[in-house]
Every structure is written in C-alpha cells, then in structure tokens.
C-alpha cells in the first residue's frame, strides 16, 4: 500500500551504522563502504563511497549495534537488489538476510553463522 507516494514496505528506522557492500556489475567486482541512513525489514538506504546501478544484486553487511552475549560483535548480512541509486545514496530491497558473528581485529575467533538467523523475505520488487 502506498503512503503519500512512498512505495517502501515496512516502517523505516533511522539508524546510522557502518556498512560494507559488494556487487558484481557485468564482469566487474565493486566493493565499498559507508553508513546506513535508515532500515526496515524489507530494505536499507545507505550512503556509499562506490556507486552502484539500479537492478544490481548486492551483498550488504551492517555492523550491528548490539553485542552477542554482551561481548561478541555481530553483523547483519543481507542480499538484495538495488532499487534506486542516486549519487552516493543506494536503496536496496532485501531478499534474504542472516546474522553472523563479526571478526574482531586481532581476535582469534573466526566469524560464524548464528543458528536460526537465515531468512528469505519472499518479497517482490
């Protein structure tokens, strides 16, 4: 349902977290970093330092603001399609997501998938 011309699903939450992203455009690998501007269960809007084009498939890793067991950093890993790209702003419709433990600089524990964290949204663009 559209709300005043807004085609996004789900309530958006303003959140500023570090992101890293990567996509394959043609035969070229593009990777970059930046910060989220807002997120919902179905999409992410972020500012990135490497441009992407609409319809590109992208993997976006978001540093999560909460620690697992109050000591381990985690990240939200999403995969989706770029629905809008203008300048450094990139909007992605999330198709699937999972939480993973994040590596700690100088840490000895490798990143791990968290049990029960995988989700396929089933949403269509």
N, C-alpha and C. Protein backbone atom coordinates (compact mmCIF):
# COMPACT_ATOMS: atom_id res chain seq x y z
N UNK A 1 0.84 -1.18 0.00
CA UNK A 1 0.00 0.00 0.00
C UNK A 1 0.88 1.24 0.00
N UNK A 2 0.59 2.17 -0.91
CA UNK A 2 1.38 3.39 -0.98
C UNK A 2 0.92 4.41 0.04
N UNK A 3 1.90 5.06 0.67
CA UNK A 3 1.61 6.11 1.64
C UNK A 3 2.22 7.39 1.10
N UNK A 4 1.37 8.27 0.56
CA UNK A 4 1.84 9.56 0.04
C UNK A 4 2.99 9.38 -0.95
N UNK A 5 2.85 8.43 -1.88
CA UNK A 5 3.88 8.20 -2.89
C UNK A 5 5.04 7.35 -2.41
N UNK A 6 5.01 6.88 -1.20
CA UNK A 6 6.09 6.07 -0.64
C UNK A 6 5.81 4.60 -0.95
N UNK A 7 6.67 3.97 -1.76
CA UNK A 7 6.45 2.59 -2.18
C UNK A 7 7.14 1.58 -1.28
N UNK A 8 7.79 2.01 -0.24
CA UNK A 8 8.55 1.11 0.62
C UNK A 8 7.62 0.32 1.52
N UNK A 9 7.98 -0.95 1.73
CA UNK A 9 7.26 -1.80 2.68
C UNK A 9 7.89 -1.66 4.05
N UNK A 10 7.07 -1.73 5.08
CA UNK A 10 7.60 -1.74 6.44
C UNK A 10 7.98 -0.36 6.95
N UNK A 11 7.95 -0.25 8.25
CA UNK A 11 8.33 1.00 8.91
C UNK A 11 9.84 1.18 8.85
N UNK A 12 10.28 2.36 8.47
CA UNK A 12 11.71 2.67 8.40
C UNK A 12 12.19 3.20 9.75
N UNK A 13 13.40 2.79 10.11
CA UNK A 13 14.01 3.25 11.36
C UNK A 13 15.31 3.97 11.00
N UNK A 14 15.43 5.20 11.45
CA UNK A 14 16.67 5.94 11.23
C UNK A 14 17.74 5.31 12.10
N UNK A 15 18.77 4.84 11.46
CA UNK A 15 19.87 4.20 12.18
C UNK A 15 21.14 4.45 11.38
N UNK A 16 22.20 4.82 12.08
CA UNK A 16 23.47 5.10 11.40
C UNK A 16 24.49 4.07 11.88
N UNK A 17 24.76 3.12 11.01
CA UNK A 17 25.73 2.06 11.28
C UNK A 17 26.65 1.91 10.08
N UNK A 18 27.84 1.46 10.33
CA UNK A 18 28.81 1.23 9.26
C UNK A 18 28.35 0.08 8.37
N UNK A 19 28.52 0.22 7.06
CA UNK A 19 28.21 -0.86 6.11
C UNK A 19 29.41 -1.11 5.22
N UNK A 20 29.48 -2.34 4.76
CA UNK A 20 30.40 -2.74 3.69
C UNK A 20 29.54 -3.46 2.67
N UNK A 21 29.80 -3.23 1.40
CA UNK A 21 28.97 -3.85 0.38
C UNK A 21 29.82 -4.29 -0.80
N UNK A 22 29.26 -5.26 -1.54
CA UNK A 22 29.94 -5.75 -2.74
C UNK A 22 28.90 -6.22 -3.75
N UNK A 23 29.21 -6.00 -5.01
CA UNK A 23 28.31 -6.38 -6.09
C UNK A 23 29.15 -6.74 -7.31
N UNK A 24 28.56 -7.52 -8.20
CA UNK A 24 29.18 -7.80 -9.48
C UNK A 24 28.33 -7.10 -10.53
N UNK A 25 28.96 -6.22 -11.28
CA UNK A 25 28.26 -5.48 -12.33
C UNK A 25 28.95 -5.84 -13.64
N UNK A 26 28.25 -6.64 -14.43
CA UNK A 26 28.89 -7.19 -15.63
C UNK A 26 29.98 -8.16 -15.18
N UNK A 27 31.19 -7.87 -15.54
CA UNK A 27 32.33 -8.71 -15.11
C UNK A 27 33.20 -8.00 -14.08
N UNK A 28 32.69 -6.89 -13.57
CA UNK A 28 33.47 -6.06 -12.64
C UNK A 28 32.96 -6.21 -11.21
N UNK A 29 33.87 -6.47 -10.29
CA UNK A 29 33.54 -6.51 -8.86
C UNK A 29 33.62 -5.11 -8.31
N UNK A 30 32.57 -4.71 -7.60
CA UNK A 30 32.54 -3.40 -6.96
C UNK A 30 32.38 -3.63 -5.47
N UNK A 31 33.21 -3.00 -4.67
CA UNK A 31 33.04 -3.07 -3.23
C UNK A 31 33.24 -1.68 -2.66
N UNK A 32 32.54 -1.44 -1.56
CA UNK A 32 32.63 -0.12 -0.96
C UNK A 32 32.20 -0.16 0.49
N UNK A 33 32.18 1.01 1.08
CA UNK A 33 31.76 1.13 2.47
C UNK A 33 31.00 2.44 2.63
N UNK A 34 30.32 2.56 3.76
CA UNK A 34 29.56 3.76 4.02
C UNK A 34 28.76 3.61 5.31
N UNK A 35 27.61 4.29 5.35
CA UNK A 35 26.77 4.29 6.56
C UNK A 35 25.30 4.18 6.18
N UNK A 36 24.55 3.44 6.99
CA UNK A 36 23.11 3.37 6.78
C UNK A 36 22.49 4.72 7.14
N UNK A 37 21.39 5.01 6.48
CA UNK A 37 20.58 6.18 6.81
C UNK A 37 19.28 5.73 7.46
N UNK A 38 18.69 4.67 6.89
CA UNK A 38 17.52 4.07 7.52
C UNK A 38 17.37 2.63 7.05
N UNK A 39 16.61 1.86 7.83
CA UNK A 39 16.42 0.44 7.55
C UNK A 39 15.00 0.04 7.91
N UNK A 40 14.53 -1.01 7.25
CA UNK A 40 13.28 -1.67 7.62
C UNK A 40 13.49 -3.16 7.44
N UNK A 41 12.46 -3.93 7.68
CA UNK A 41 12.59 -5.38 7.49
C UNK A 41 12.73 -5.74 6.01
N UNK A 42 12.42 -4.81 5.11
CA UNK A 42 12.48 -5.14 3.69
C UNK A 42 13.48 -4.29 2.89
N UNK A 43 14.16 -3.34 3.53
CA UNK A 43 15.08 -2.53 2.77
C UNK A 43 16.06 -1.73 3.60
N UNK A 44 17.10 -1.28 2.93
CA UNK A 44 18.16 -0.47 3.55
C UNK A 44 18.44 0.71 2.62
N UNK A 45 18.55 1.89 3.18
CA UNK A 45 19.04 3.06 2.45
C UNK A 45 20.37 3.43 3.08
N UNK A 46 21.42 3.48 2.25
CA UNK A 46 22.73 3.83 2.79
C UNK A 46 23.47 4.75 1.83
N UNK A 47 24.46 5.41 2.40
CA UNK A 47 25.36 6.26 1.65
C UNK A 47 26.65 5.47 1.44
N UNK A 48 27.08 5.34 0.20
CA UNK A 48 28.26 4.53 -0.10
C UNK A 48 29.31 5.31 -0.86
N UNK A 49 30.55 4.82 -0.78
CA UNK A 49 31.66 5.51 -1.45
C UNK A 49 31.95 4.97 -2.84
N UNK A 50 31.24 3.91 -3.27
CA UNK A 50 31.37 3.37 -4.63
C UNK A 50 29.97 3.27 -5.23
N UNK A 51 29.72 3.90 -6.37
CA UNK A 51 28.38 3.89 -6.94
C UNK A 51 27.96 2.50 -7.41
N UNK A 52 26.67 2.23 -7.34
CA UNK A 52 26.07 1.02 -7.88
C UNK A 52 24.95 1.44 -8.81
N UNK A 53 24.57 0.55 -9.70
CA UNK A 53 23.48 0.87 -10.62
C UNK A 53 22.21 0.12 -10.20
N UNK A 54 21.08 0.69 -10.57
CA UNK A 54 19.79 0.05 -10.26
C UNK A 54 19.76 -1.34 -10.86
N UNK A 55 19.09 -2.25 -10.17
CA UNK A 55 18.91 -3.66 -10.53
C UNK A 55 20.12 -4.54 -10.26
N UNK A 56 21.23 -3.99 -9.80
CA UNK A 56 22.39 -4.81 -9.46
C UNK A 56 22.09 -5.60 -8.19
N UNK A 57 22.54 -6.84 -8.14
CA UNK A 57 22.46 -7.64 -6.92
C UNK A 57 23.62 -7.25 -6.03
N UNK A 58 23.35 -7.06 -4.74
CA UNK A 58 24.38 -6.57 -3.83
C UNK A 58 24.29 -7.30 -2.50
N UNK A 59 25.43 -7.53 -1.90
CA UNK A 59 25.52 -8.04 -0.53
C UNK A 59 25.94 -6.88 0.35
N UNK A 60 25.15 -6.62 1.39
CA UNK A 60 25.42 -5.51 2.29
C UNK A 60 25.61 -6.07 3.70
N UNK A 61 26.72 -5.74 4.34
CA UNK A 61 27.00 -6.15 5.71
C UNK A 61 26.90 -4.92 6.61
N UNK A 62 26.02 -5.01 7.61
CA UNK A 62 25.79 -3.89 8.52
C UNK A 62 26.34 -4.25 9.89
N UNK A 63 27.22 -3.40 10.43
CA UNK A 63 27.71 -3.59 11.80
C UNK A 63 26.51 -3.42 12.73
N UNK A 64 26.21 -4.44 13.52
CA UNK A 64 25.02 -4.39 14.37
C UNK A 64 25.36 -3.69 15.68
N UNK A 65 24.45 -2.87 16.20
CA UNK A 65 24.77 -2.08 17.41
C UNK A 65 24.68 -2.84 18.73
N UNK A 66 24.33 -4.12 18.68
CA UNK A 66 24.18 -4.91 19.91
C UNK A 66 25.18 -6.05 19.87
N UNK A 67 25.78 -6.37 21.01
CA UNK A 67 26.73 -7.47 21.10
C UNK A 67 26.02 -8.77 21.44
N UNK A 68 26.49 -9.88 20.89
CA UNK A 68 26.00 -11.20 21.23
C UNK A 68 26.61 -11.60 22.58
N UNK A 69 25.78 -12.04 23.48
CA UNK A 69 26.24 -12.40 24.84
C UNK A 69 26.99 -11.26 25.52
N UNK A 70 26.67 -10.04 25.15
CA UNK A 70 27.26 -8.82 25.70
C UNK A 70 28.77 -8.73 25.51
N UNK A 71 29.30 -9.50 24.53
CA UNK A 71 30.75 -9.43 24.32
C UNK A 71 31.19 -9.65 22.88
N UNK A 72 30.38 -10.31 22.05
CA UNK A 72 30.80 -10.61 20.68
C UNK A 72 30.08 -9.69 19.69
N UNK A 73 30.86 -8.99 18.85
CA UNK A 73 30.22 -8.16 17.82
C UNK A 73 29.55 -9.04 16.77
N UNK A 74 28.43 -8.57 16.25
CA UNK A 74 27.74 -9.29 15.18
C UNK A 74 27.46 -8.33 14.04
N UNK A 75 27.13 -8.91 12.89
CA UNK A 75 26.77 -8.10 11.73
C UNK A 75 25.55 -8.72 11.06
N UNK A 76 24.76 -7.87 10.45
CA UNK A 76 23.63 -8.29 9.65
C UNK A 76 24.12 -8.38 8.22
N UNK A 77 23.98 -9.55 7.61
CA UNK A 77 24.40 -9.74 6.22
C UNK A 77 23.15 -9.89 5.37
N UNK A 78 22.97 -8.99 4.41
CA UNK A 78 21.79 -9.02 3.55
C UNK A 78 22.20 -9.20 2.10
N UNK A 79 21.29 -9.74 1.33
CA UNK A 79 21.47 -9.82 -0.12
C UNK A 79 20.18 -9.30 -0.73
N UNK A 80 20.32 -8.44 -1.72
CA UNK A 80 19.14 -7.89 -2.36
C UNK A 80 19.48 -7.17 -3.64
N UNK A 81 18.49 -6.49 -4.16
CA UNK A 81 18.62 -5.78 -5.43
C UNK A 81 18.56 -4.28 -5.18
N UNK A 82 19.43 -3.56 -5.88
CA UNK A 82 19.42 -2.10 -5.81
C UNK A 82 18.17 -1.62 -6.54
N UNK A 83 17.31 -0.90 -5.83
CA UNK A 83 16.08 -0.38 -6.44
C UNK A 83 16.22 1.09 -6.81
N UNK A 84 17.19 1.76 -6.21
CA UNK A 84 17.40 3.18 -6.51
C UNK A 84 18.85 3.52 -6.18
N UNK A 85 19.48 4.28 -7.07
CA UNK A 85 20.85 4.75 -6.83
C UNK A 85 20.96 6.15 -7.41
N UNK A 86 21.30 7.09 -6.54
CA UNK A 86 21.45 8.48 -6.97
C UNK A 86 22.63 9.08 -6.22
N UNK A 87 23.69 9.37 -6.95
CA UNK A 87 24.89 9.89 -6.30
C UNK A 87 25.45 8.84 -5.36
N UNK A 88 25.64 9.23 -4.09
CA UNK A 88 26.19 8.26 -3.14
C UNK A 88 25.08 7.53 -2.36
N UNK A 89 23.80 7.81 -2.66
CA UNK A 89 22.70 7.14 -1.97
C UNK A 89 22.28 5.88 -2.72
N UNK A 90 22.17 4.77 -1.98
CA UNK A 90 21.83 3.48 -2.57
C UNK A 90 20.70 2.87 -1.75
N UNK A 91 19.61 2.51 -2.42
CA UNK A 91 18.47 1.87 -1.77
C UNK A 91 18.39 0.42 -2.23
N UNK A 92 18.31 -0.49 -1.27
CA UNK A 92 18.31 -1.92 -1.57
C UNK A 92 17.06 -2.57 -1.00
N UNK A 93 16.37 -3.37 -1.83
CA UNK A 93 15.26 -4.20 -1.34
C UNK A 93 15.88 -5.52 -0.91
N UNK A 94 15.73 -5.85 0.37
CA UNK A 94 16.32 -7.06 0.94
C UNK A 94 15.55 -8.28 0.47
N UNK A 95 16.27 -9.28 -0.02
CA UNK A 95 15.67 -10.56 -0.42
C UNK A 95 15.95 -11.64 0.62
N UNK A 96 17.12 -11.60 1.22
CA UNK A 96 17.45 -12.57 2.27
C UNK A 96 18.44 -11.92 3.24
N UNK A 97 18.46 -12.44 4.46
CA UNK A 97 19.34 -11.88 5.47
C UNK A 97 19.70 -12.94 6.50
N UNK A 98 20.80 -12.68 7.20
CA UNK A 98 21.22 -13.53 8.32
C UNK A 98 22.16 -12.72 9.21
N UNK A 99 22.21 -13.11 10.48
CA UNK A 99 23.17 -12.52 11.40
C UNK A 99 24.38 -13.44 11.47
N UNK A 100 25.56 -12.83 11.56
CA UNK A 100 26.81 -13.57 11.72
C UNK A 100 27.64 -12.88 12.79
N UNK A 101 28.47 -13.66 13.46
CA UNK A 101 29.41 -13.01 14.35
C UNK A 101 30.43 -12.28 13.48
N UNK A 102 30.90 -11.16 13.97
CA UNK A 102 31.84 -10.35 13.21
C UNK A 102 33.25 -10.60 13.73
N UNK A 103 34.20 -10.57 12.83
CA UNK A 103 35.58 -10.75 13.26
C UNK A 103 36.03 -9.51 14.02
N UNK A 104 36.87 -9.74 14.99
CA UNK A 104 37.41 -8.65 15.81
C UNK A 104 38.87 -8.48 15.40
N UNK A 105 39.30 -7.25 15.10
CA UNK A 105 40.70 -7.05 14.74
C UNK A 105 41.63 -7.63 15.81
N UNK A 106 42.53 -8.49 15.38
CA UNK A 106 43.46 -9.11 16.32
C UNK A 106 42.84 -10.26 17.11
N UNK A 107 41.57 -10.56 16.84
CA UNK A 107 40.88 -11.63 17.57
C UNK A 107 41.22 -12.99 16.98
N UNK A 108 41.01 -14.04 17.78
CA UNK A 108 41.36 -15.38 17.32
C UNK A 108 40.15 -16.18 16.85
N UNK A 109 38.93 -15.68 17.09
CA UNK A 109 37.73 -16.41 16.70
C UNK A 109 37.32 -16.04 15.29
N UNK A 110 37.10 -17.05 14.39
CA UNK A 110 36.63 -16.74 13.05
C UNK A 110 35.15 -16.37 13.09
N UNK A 111 34.66 -15.60 12.09
CA UNK A 111 33.22 -15.28 12.04
C UNK A 111 32.40 -16.56 11.89
N UNK A 112 31.21 -16.58 12.46
CA UNK A 112 30.34 -17.75 12.40
C UNK A 112 28.93 -17.33 12.05
N UNK A 113 28.22 -18.24 11.35
CA UNK A 113 26.79 -18.03 11.16
C UNK A 113 26.11 -18.31 12.48
N UNK A 114 25.10 -17.55 12.81
CA UNK A 114 24.35 -17.77 14.04
C UNK A 114 23.19 -18.70 13.73
N UNK A 115 22.89 -19.67 14.58
CA UNK A 115 21.80 -20.60 14.31
C UNK A 115 20.47 -19.87 14.21
N UNK A 116 19.64 -20.33 13.26
CA UNK A 116 18.30 -19.78 13.12
C UNK A 116 18.25 -18.38 12.57
N UNK A 117 19.35 -17.88 12.03
CA UNK A 117 19.37 -16.50 11.59
C UNK A 117 18.99 -16.27 10.15
N UNK A 118 18.96 -17.31 9.33
CA UNK A 118 18.66 -17.14 7.91
C UNK A 118 17.21 -16.82 7.68
N UNK A 119 16.96 -15.97 6.69
CA UNK A 119 15.59 -15.59 6.36
C UNK A 119 15.53 -15.22 4.89
N UNK A 120 14.56 -15.72 4.20
CA UNK A 120 14.28 -15.28 2.84
C UNK A 120 12.96 -14.53 2.92
N UNK A 121 12.98 -13.28 2.48
CA UNK A 121 11.81 -12.42 2.70
C UNK A 121 10.62 -12.80 1.83
N UNK A 122 10.87 -13.32 0.64
CA UNK A 122 9.77 -13.64 -0.25
C UNK A 122 9.13 -12.41 -0.87
N UNK A 123 9.66 -11.23 -0.57
CA UNK A 123 9.10 -10.00 -1.12
C UNK A 123 9.49 -9.89 -2.59
N UNK A 124 8.67 -9.22 -3.35
CA UNK A 124 8.97 -9.00 -4.75
C UNK A 124 9.15 -7.53 -5.01
N UNK A 125 10.02 -7.22 -5.95
CA UNK A 125 10.29 -5.80 -6.26
C UNK A 125 9.25 -5.26 -7.18
